[in-house]
Amino acid sequence: TTTIRQFTSSSSIKGSSSLGGGSSRTSCRLSGGLGAGSCRLGSAGGLGSALGSNSYSSCYSFGSGSSYGGGFGAVDGLLAGGEKATMQNLNDRLASYLDKVRALEEANTELEVKIRDWYQKQAPGPARDYSHYYQTIEDLKNKILTASVDNANILLQIDNARLAADDFRTKFETEQALRVSVEADTNGLRRVLDELTLSRADLEMQIENL
């Protein structure tokens, strides 16, 4: 004899945002017949899926009568005695799971809002039109070029003036040395003139005595 007790509960939570939406589904079932318990949790999709995501959870528990042996029949007796507590436990676990899913969905929504705000702040602003500055920039470039040419000419003139000053300095030093030499010659000739003057006076006195 096989006894089947079934508890099924399903719930879904859906959320969507700029990065995609998602939904979750949970189902738990108890049935007798194999005397063993199995639980499977599967999910597909993610927080950032653009097509949405689904998660599905189902739990099965099987029990058997005496036709499968005394060991298997004990499971059915356990469920018969504590069926209410088992259902309450499953309901509590399901509620906890749904609360966690809801909290994750809320956190995901907040995160997506923050990401969207960040991208909006980091996005480049509209391109500004600088075409009305082009003529002014061209005029300034021409002025800079003209000033550069004038500056080069002034530097060339400074170099030429420096070379001319060096040439004049050399000539001045040469003329100064020549002047010193001429002054020395003049002083020597002046002494000779003095000597000749004395000789002339002496000769004139001798002529008068004759």
C-alpha atoms as a PDB file:
ATOM      1  CA  THR A   1       0.000   0.000   0.000  1.00  0.00           C
ATOM      2  CA  THR A   2       1.341   3.435  -0.881  1.00  0.00           C
ATOM      3  CA  THR A   3       0.298   6.647   0.790  1.00  0.00           C
ATOM      4  CA  ILE A   4       0.783   9.941  -1.074  1.00  0.00           C
ATOM      5  CA  ARG A   5       0.700  13.291   0.655  1.00  0.00           C
ATOM      6  CA  GLN A   6       1.386  16.316  -1.427  1.00  0.00           C
ATOM      7  CA  PHE A   7       2.140  19.910  -0.503  1.00  0.00           C
ATOM      8  CA  THR A   8       2.681  22.353  -3.256  1.00  0.00           C
ATOM      9  CA  SER A   9       3.352  26.051  -2.967  1.00  0.00           C
ATOM     10  CA  SER A  10       4.612  28.400  -5.599  1.00  0.00           C
ATOM     11  CA  SER A  11       5.398  32.063  -5.640  1.00  0.00           C
ATOM     12  CA  SER A  12       7.103  34.372  -8.054  1.00  0.00           C
ATOM     13  CA  ILE A  13       8.765  37.752  -7.690  1.00  0.00           C
ATOM     14  CA  LYS A  14       9.551  39.781 -10.729  1.00  0.00           C
ATOM     15  CA  GLY A  15      11.661  42.898 -11.006  1.00  0.00           C
ATOM     16  CA  SER A  16      12.874  44.848 -13.978  1.00  0.00           C
ATOM     17  CA  SER A  17      15.244  47.744 -14.486  1.00  0.00           C
ATOM     18  CA  SER A  18      17.506  49.237 -17.073  1.00  0.00           C
ATOM     19  CA  LEU A  19      19.846  46.233 -16.882  1.00  0.00           C
ATOM     20  CA  GLY A  20      17.162  43.539 -17.258  1.00  0.00           C
ATOM     21  CA  GLY A  21      14.449  41.856 -15.212  1.00  0.00           C
ATOM     22  CA  GLY A  22      14.128  38.559 -13.401  1.00  0.00           C
ATOM     23  CA  SER A  23      11.599  36.243 -11.785  1.00  0.00           C
ATOM     24  CA  SER A  24      11.829  33.428  -9.307  1.00  0.00           C
ATOM     25  CA  ARG A  25       9.594  30.440  -8.588  1.00  0.00           C
ATOM     26  CA  THR A  26       9.704  28.014  -5.716  1.00  0.00           C
ATOM     27  CA  SER A  27       7.700  24.780  -5.453  1.00  0.00           C
ATOM     28  CA  CYS A  28       7.845  22.113  -2.730  1.00  0.00           C
ATOM     29  CA  ARG A  29       6.100  18.738  -2.947  1.00  0.00           C
ATOM     30  CA  LEU A  30       5.833  15.811  -0.569  1.00  0.00           C
ATOM     31  CA  SER A  31       4.743  12.431  -1.904  1.00  0.00           C
ATOM     32  CA  GLY A  32       4.962   8.898  -0.670  1.00  0.00           C
ATOM     33  CA  GLY A  33       5.987   5.957  -2.701  1.00  0.00           C
ATOM     34  CA  LEU A  34       9.776   5.575  -2.718  1.00  0.00           C
ATOM     35  CA  GLY A  35      10.684   6.191   0.908  1.00  0.00           C
ATOM     36  CA  ALA A  36      13.485   8.565   0.052  1.00  0.00           C
ATOM     37  CA  GLY A  37      13.848  12.302  -0.064  1.00  0.00           C
ATOM     38  CA  SER A  38      15.351  14.462  -2.780  1.00  0.00           C
ATOM     39  CA  CYS A  39      15.684  18.186  -3.297  1.00  0.00           C
ATOM     40  CA  ARG A  40      16.603  20.062  -6.476  1.00  0.00           C
ATOM     41  CA  LEU A  41      17.329  23.760  -6.904  1.00  0.00           C
ATOM     42  CA  GLY A  42      17.826  25.139 -10.372  1.00  0.00           C
ATOM     43  CA  SER A  43      18.182  28.638 -11.704  1.00  0.00           C
ATOM     44  CA  ALA A  44      18.803  30.316 -15.026  1.00  0.00           C
ATOM     45  CA  GLY A  45      19.709  33.840 -15.875  1.00  0.00           C
ATOM     46  CA  GLY A  46      21.374  36.494 -13.726  1.00  0.00           C
ATOM     47  CA  LEU A  47      21.093  39.971 -12.414  1.00  0.00           C
ATOM     48  CA  GLY A  48      22.220  41.515 -15.620  1.00  0.00           C
ATOM     49  CA  SER A  49      20.200  39.375 -18.104  1.00  0.00           C
ATOM     50  CA  ALA A  50      18.471  41.535 -20.665  1.00  0.00           C
ATOM     51  CA  LEU A  51      15.844  38.835 -21.415  1.00  0.00           C
ATOM     52  CA  GLY A  52      14.945  38.212 -17.762  1.00  0.00           C
ATOM     53  CA  SER A  53      15.751  35.305 -15.482  1.00  0.00           C
ATOM     54  CA  ASN A  54      13.849  32.494 -13.814  1.00  0.00           C
ATOM     55  CA  SER A  55      14.668  30.390 -10.841  1.00  0.00           C
ATOM     56  CA  TYR A  56      12.834  27.248  -9.892  1.00  0.00           C
ATOM     57  CA  SER A  57      13.098  25.182  -6.792  1.00  0.00           C
ATOM     58  CA  SER A  58      11.273  21.983  -6.046  1.00  0.00           C
ATOM     59  CA  CYS A  59      11.562  19.578  -3.192  1.00  0.00           C
ATOM     60  CA  TYR A  60      10.151  16.068  -3.153  1.00  0.00           C
ATOM     61  CA  SER A  61       9.807  13.606  -0.318  1.00  0.00           C
ATOM     62  CA  PHE A  62       8.560  10.132  -0.905  1.00  0.00           C
ATOM     63  CA  GLY A  63       7.329   7.547   1.582  1.00  0.00           C
ATOM     64  CA  SER A  64       6.287   3.920   1.122  1.00  0.00           C
ATOM     65  CA  GLY A  65       3.989   1.485   2.870  1.00  0.00           C
ATOM     66  CA  SER A  66       4.788  -1.965   4.087  1.00  0.00           C
ATOM     67  CA  SER A  67       4.967  -3.341   0.522  1.00  0.00           C
ATOM     68  CA  TYR A  68       8.511  -1.807   0.246  1.00  0.00           C
ATOM     69  CA  GLY A  69       9.691  -3.051   3.629  1.00  0.00           C
ATOM     70  CA  GLY A  70       9.479  -1.989   7.223  1.00  0.00           C
ATOM     71  CA  GLY A  71      12.185   0.623   6.874  1.00  0.00           C
ATOM     72  CA  PHE A  72      10.332   2.437   4.106  1.00  0.00           C
ATOM     73  CA  GLY A  73       6.996   2.197   5.902  1.00  0.00           C
ATOM     74  CA  ALA A  74       8.457   3.995   8.928  1.00  0.00           C
ATOM     75  CA  VAL A  75       8.890   7.135   6.828  1.00  0.00           C
ATOM     76  CA  ASP A  76       5.181   7.196   6.007  1.00  0.00           C
ATOM     77  CA  GLY A  77       4.360   6.778   9.668  1.00  0.00           C
ATOM     78  CA  LEU A  78       6.661   9.653  10.564  1.00  0.00           C
ATOM     79  CA  LEU A  79       4.939  11.912   8.051  1.00  0.00           C
ATOM     80  CA  ALA A  80       1.529  10.853   9.325  1.00  0.00           C
ATOM     81  CA  GLY A  81       2.506  11.734  12.886  1.00  0.00           C
ATOM     82  CA  GLY A  82       4.311  15.016  12.213  1.00  0.00           C
ATOM     83  CA  GLU A  83       2.708  16.151   8.976  1.00  0.00           C
ATOM     84  CA  LYS A  84       1.602  19.495  10.387  1.00  0.00           C
ATOM     85  CA  ALA A  85       5.054  20.250  11.791  1.00  0.00           C
ATOM     86  CA  THR A  86       6.650  19.228   8.501  1.00  0.00           C
ATOM     87  CA  MET A  87       4.329  21.474   6.526  1.00  0.00           C
ATOM     88  CA  GLN A  88       4.988  24.356   8.911  1.00  0.00           C
ATOM     89  CA  ASN A  89       8.740  23.820   8.577  1.00  0.00           C
ATOM     90  CA  LEU A  90       8.468  23.859   4.793  1.00  0.00           C
ATOM     91  CA  ASN A  91       6.309  26.969   4.899  1.00  0.00           C
ATOM     92  CA  ASP A  92       8.847  28.698   7.136  1.00  0.00           C
ATOM     93  CA  ARG A  93      11.710  27.716   4.862  1.00  0.00           C
ATOM     94  CA  LEU A  94       9.747  28.868   1.829  1.00  0.00           C
ATOM     95  CA  ALA A  95       8.951  32.225   3.447  1.00  0.00           C
ATOM     96  CA  SER A  96      12.604  32.678   4.411  1.00  0.00           C
ATOM     97  CA  TYR A  97      13.677  31.853   0.869  1.00  0.00           C
ATOM     98  CA  LEU A  98      11.176  34.303  -0.620  1.00  0.00           C
ATOM     99  CA  ASP A  99      12.328  37.019   1.792  1.00  0.00           C
ATOM    100  CA  LYS A 100      15.909  36.446   0.688  1.00  0.00           C
ATOM    101  CA  VAL A 101      14.878  36.582  -2.969  1.00  0.00           C
ATOM    102  CA  ARG A 102      12.932  39.788  -2.365  1.00  0.00           C
ATOM    103  CA  ALA A 103      15.905  41.341  -0.534  1.00  0.00           C
ATOM    104  CA  LEU A 104      18.229  40.358  -3.391  1.00  0.00           C
ATOM    105  CA  GLU A 105      15.840  41.862  -5.926  1.00  0.00           C
ATOM    106  CA  GLU A 106      15.717  45.133  -3.964  1.00  0.00           C
ATOM    107  CA  ALA A 107      19.503  45.196  -3.623  1.00  0.00           C
ATOM    108  CA  ASN A 108      19.804  44.470  -7.334  1.00  0.00           C
ATOM    109  CA  THR A 109      17.455  47.337  -8.171  1.00  0.00           C
ATOM    110  CA  GLU A 110      19.413  49.752  -5.971  1.00  0.00           C
ATOM    111  CA  LEU A 111      22.677  48.614  -7.540  1.00  0.00           C
ATOM    112  CA  GLU A 112      21.288  49.087 -11.045  1.00  0.00           C
ATOM    113  CA  VAL A 113      20.127  52.608 -10.155  1.00  0.00           C
ATOM    114  CA  LYS A 114      23.587  53.450  -8.809  1.00  0.00           C
ATOM    115  CA  ILE A 115      25.243  52.046 -11.929  1.00  0.00           C
ATOM    116  CA  ARG A 116      22.900  54.008 -14.194  1.00  0.00           C
ATOM    117  CA  ASP A 117      23.541  57.220 -12.222  1.00  0.00           C
ATOM    118  CA  TRP A 118      27.296  56.626 -12.392  1.00  0.00           C
ATOM    119  CA  TYR A 119      27.190  56.154 -16.164  1.00  0.00           C
ATOM    120  CA  GLN A 120      25.096  59.282 -16.550  1.00  0.00           C
ATOM    121  CA  LYS A 121      27.639  61.275 -14.528  1.00  0.00           C
ATOM    122  CA  GLN A 122      30.585  59.804 -16.435  1.00  0.00           C
ATOM    123  CA  ALA A 123      29.034  60.288 -19.862  1.00  0.00           C
ATOM    124  CA  PRO A 124      30.642  63.107 -21.900  1.00  0.00           C
ATOM    125  CA  GLY A 125      28.646  66.287 -22.185  1.00  0.00           C
ATOM    126  CA  PRO A 126      27.433  67.775 -25.468  1.00  0.00           C
ATOM    127  CA  ALA A 127      30.184  68.956 -27.789  1.00  0.00           C
ATOM    128  CA  ARG A 128      30.680  72.720 -27.695  1.00  0.00           C
ATOM    129  CA  ASP A 129      30.895  74.801 -30.867  1.00  0.00           C
ATOM    130  CA  TYR A 130      34.236  76.606 -31.065  1.00  0.00           C
ATOM    131  CA  SER A 131      33.930  77.682 -34.707  1.00  0.00           C
ATOM    132  CA  HIS A 132      33.476  81.350 -33.767  1.00  0.00           C
ATOM    133  CA  TYR A 133      36.909  81.252 -32.121  1.00  0.00           C
ATOM    134  CA  TYR A 134      38.687  79.984 -35.246  1.00  0.00           C
ATOM    135  CA  GLN A 135      39.188  83.444 -36.809  1.00  0.00           C
ATOM    136  CA  THR A 136      40.481  84.868 -33.537  1.00  0.00           C
ATOM    137  CA  ILE A 137      42.867  81.938 -33.173  1.00  0.00           C
ATOM    138  CA  GLU A 138      44.095  82.452 -36.766  1.00  0.00           C
ATOM    139  CA  ASP A 139      44.684  86.168 -36.128  1.00  0.00           C
ATOM    140  CA  LEU A 140      46.607  85.387 -32.963  1.00  0.00           C
ATOM    141  CA  LYS A 141      48.714  82.835 -34.848  1.00  0.00           C
ATOM    142  CA  ASN A 142      49.567  85.463 -37.481  1.00  0.00           C
ATOM    143  CA  LYS A 143      50.471  87.980 -34.790  1.00  0.00           C
ATOM    144  CA  ILE A 144      52.660  85.414 -33.053  1.00  0.00           C
ATOM    145  CA  LEU A 145      54.396  84.613 -36.354  1.00  0.00           C
ATOM    146  CA  THR A 146      54.970  88.318 -37.084  1.00  0.00           C
ATOM    147  CA  ALA A 147      56.284  88.903 -33.562  1.00  0.00           C
ATOM    148  CA  SER A 148      58.604  85.902 -33.934  1.00  0.00           C
ATOM    149  CA  VAL A 149      60.026  87.313 -37.190  1.00  0.00           C
ATOM    150  CA  ASP A 150      60.469  90.753 -35.615  1.00  0.00           C
ATOM    151  CA  ASN A 151      62.158  89.176 -32.617  1.00  0.00           C
ATOM    152  CA  ALA A 152      64.537  87.282 -34.907  1.00  0.00           C
ATOM    153  CA  ASN A 153      65.371  90.518 -36.753  1.00  0.00           C
ATOM    154  CA  ILE A 154      66.030  92.300 -33.472  1.00  0.00           C
ATOM    155  CA  LEU A 155      68.311  89.488 -32.333  1.00  0.00           C
ATOM    156  CA  LEU A 156      70.185  89.735 -35.645  1.00  0.00           C
ATOM    157  CA  GLN A 157      70.585  93.475 -35.201  1.00  0.00           C
ATOM    158  CA  ILE A 158      71.847  92.922 -31.658  1.00  0.00           C
ATOM    159  CA  ASP A 159      74.443  90.460 -32.943  1.00  0.00           C
ATOM    160  CA  ASN A 160      75.531  92.907 -35.659  1.00  0.00           C
ATOM    161  CA  ALA A 161      75.784  95.719 -33.110  1.00  0.00           C
ATOM    162  CA  ARG A 162      77.830  93.477 -30.828  1.00  0.00           C
ATOM    163  CA  LEU A 163      80.229  92.660 -33.677  1.00  0.00           C
ATOM    164  CA  ALA A 164      80.504  96.354 -34.594  1.00  0.00           C
ATOM    165  CA  ALA A 165      81.183  97.246 -30.960  1.00  0.00           C
ATOM    166  CA  ASP A 166      83.930  94.633 -30.799  1.00  0.00           C
ATOM    167  CA  ASP A 167      85.447  96.050 -34.000  1.00  0.00           C
ATOM    168  CA  PHE A 168      85.331  99.603 -32.673  1.00  0.00           C
ATOM    169  CA  ARG A 169      86.861  98.451 -29.395  1.00  0.00           C
ATOM    170  CA  THR A 170      89.735  96.866 -31.267  1.00  0.00           C
ATOM    171  CA  LYS A 171      90.255 100.040 -33.310  1.00  0.00           C
ATOM    172  CA  PHE A 172      90.116 102.179 -30.169  1.00  0.00           C
ATOM    173  CA  GLU A 173      92.711 100.060 -28.425  1.00  0.00           C
ATOM    174  CA  THR A 174      94.936 100.268 -31.522  1.00  0.00           C
ATOM    175  CA  GLU A 175      94.559 104.059 -31.746  1.00  0.00           C
ATOM    176  CA  GLN A 176      95.199 104.397 -28.030  1.00  0.00           C
ATOM    177  CA  ALA A 177      98.456 102.450 -28.324  1.00  0.00           C
ATOM    178  CA  LEU A 178      99.420 104.638 -31.302  1.00  0.00           C
ATOM    179  CA  ARG A 179      98.675 107.791 -29.306  1.00  0.00           C
ATOM    180  CA  VAL A 180     100.902 106.616 -26.469  1.00  0.00           C
ATOM    181  CA  SER A 181     103.685 105.945 -28.967  1.00  0.00           C
ATOM    182  CA  VAL A 182     103.231 109.380 -30.589  1.00  0.00           C
ATOM    183  CA  GLU A 183     103.280 111.092 -27.189  1.00  0.00           C
ATOM    184  CA  ALA A 184     106.509 109.295 -26.342  1.00  0.00           C
ATOM    185  CA  ASP A 185     108.017 110.447 -29.646  1.00  0.00           C
ATOM    186  CA  THR A 186     106.789 113.980 -29.026  1.00  0.00           C
ATOM    187  CA  ASN A 187     108.408 114.064 -25.597  1.00  0.00           C
ATOM    188  CA  GLY A 188     111.671 112.828 -27.093  1.00  0.00           C
ATOM    189  CA  LEU A 189     111.603 115.474 -29.800  1.00  0.00           C
ATOM    190  CA  ARG A 190     110.818 118.120 -27.210  1.00  0.00           C
ATOM    191  CA  ARG A 191     114.001 117.241 -25.338  1.00  0.00           C
ATOM    192  CA  VAL A 192     115.949 117.369 -28.578  1.00  0.00           C
ATOM    193  CA  LEU A 193     114.424 120.793 -29.272  1.00  0.00           C
ATOM    194  CA  ASP A 194     115.503 122.002 -25.857  1.00  0.00           C
ATOM    195  CA  GLU A 195     119.032 120.819 -26.475  1.00  0.00           C
ATOM    196  CA  LEU A 196     119.092 122.506 -29.873  1.00  0.00           C
ATOM    197  CA  THR A 197     117.810 125.710 -28.311  1.00  0.00           C
ATOM    198  CA  LEU A 198     120.649 125.663 -25.764  1.00  0.00           C
ATOM    199  CA  SER A 199     123.206 124.965 -28.482  1.00  0.00           C
ATOM    200  CA  ARG A 200     121.849 127.867 -30.554  1.00  0.00           C
ATOM    201  CA  ALA A 201     122.074 130.236 -27.592  1.00  0.00           C
ATOM    202  CA  ASP A 202     125.638 129.135 -26.934  1.00  0.00           C
ATOM    203  CA  LEU A 203     126.597 129.658 -30.551  1.00  0.00           C
ATOM    204  CA  GLU A 204     125.015 133.119 -30.608  1.00  0.00           C
ATOM    205  CA  MET A 205     127.028 134.112 -27.526  1.00  0.00           C
ATOM    206  CA  GLN A 206     130.217 132.887 -29.176  1.00  0.00           C
ATOM    207  CA  ILE A 207     129.430 134.906 -32.306  1.00  0.00           C
ATOM    208  CA  GLU A 208     128.918 138.071 -30.264  1.00  0.00           C
ATOM    209  CA  ASN A 209     132.250 137.596 -28.496  1.00  0.00           C
ATOM    210  CA  LEU A 210     133.993 137.425 -31.838  1.00  0.00           C
END
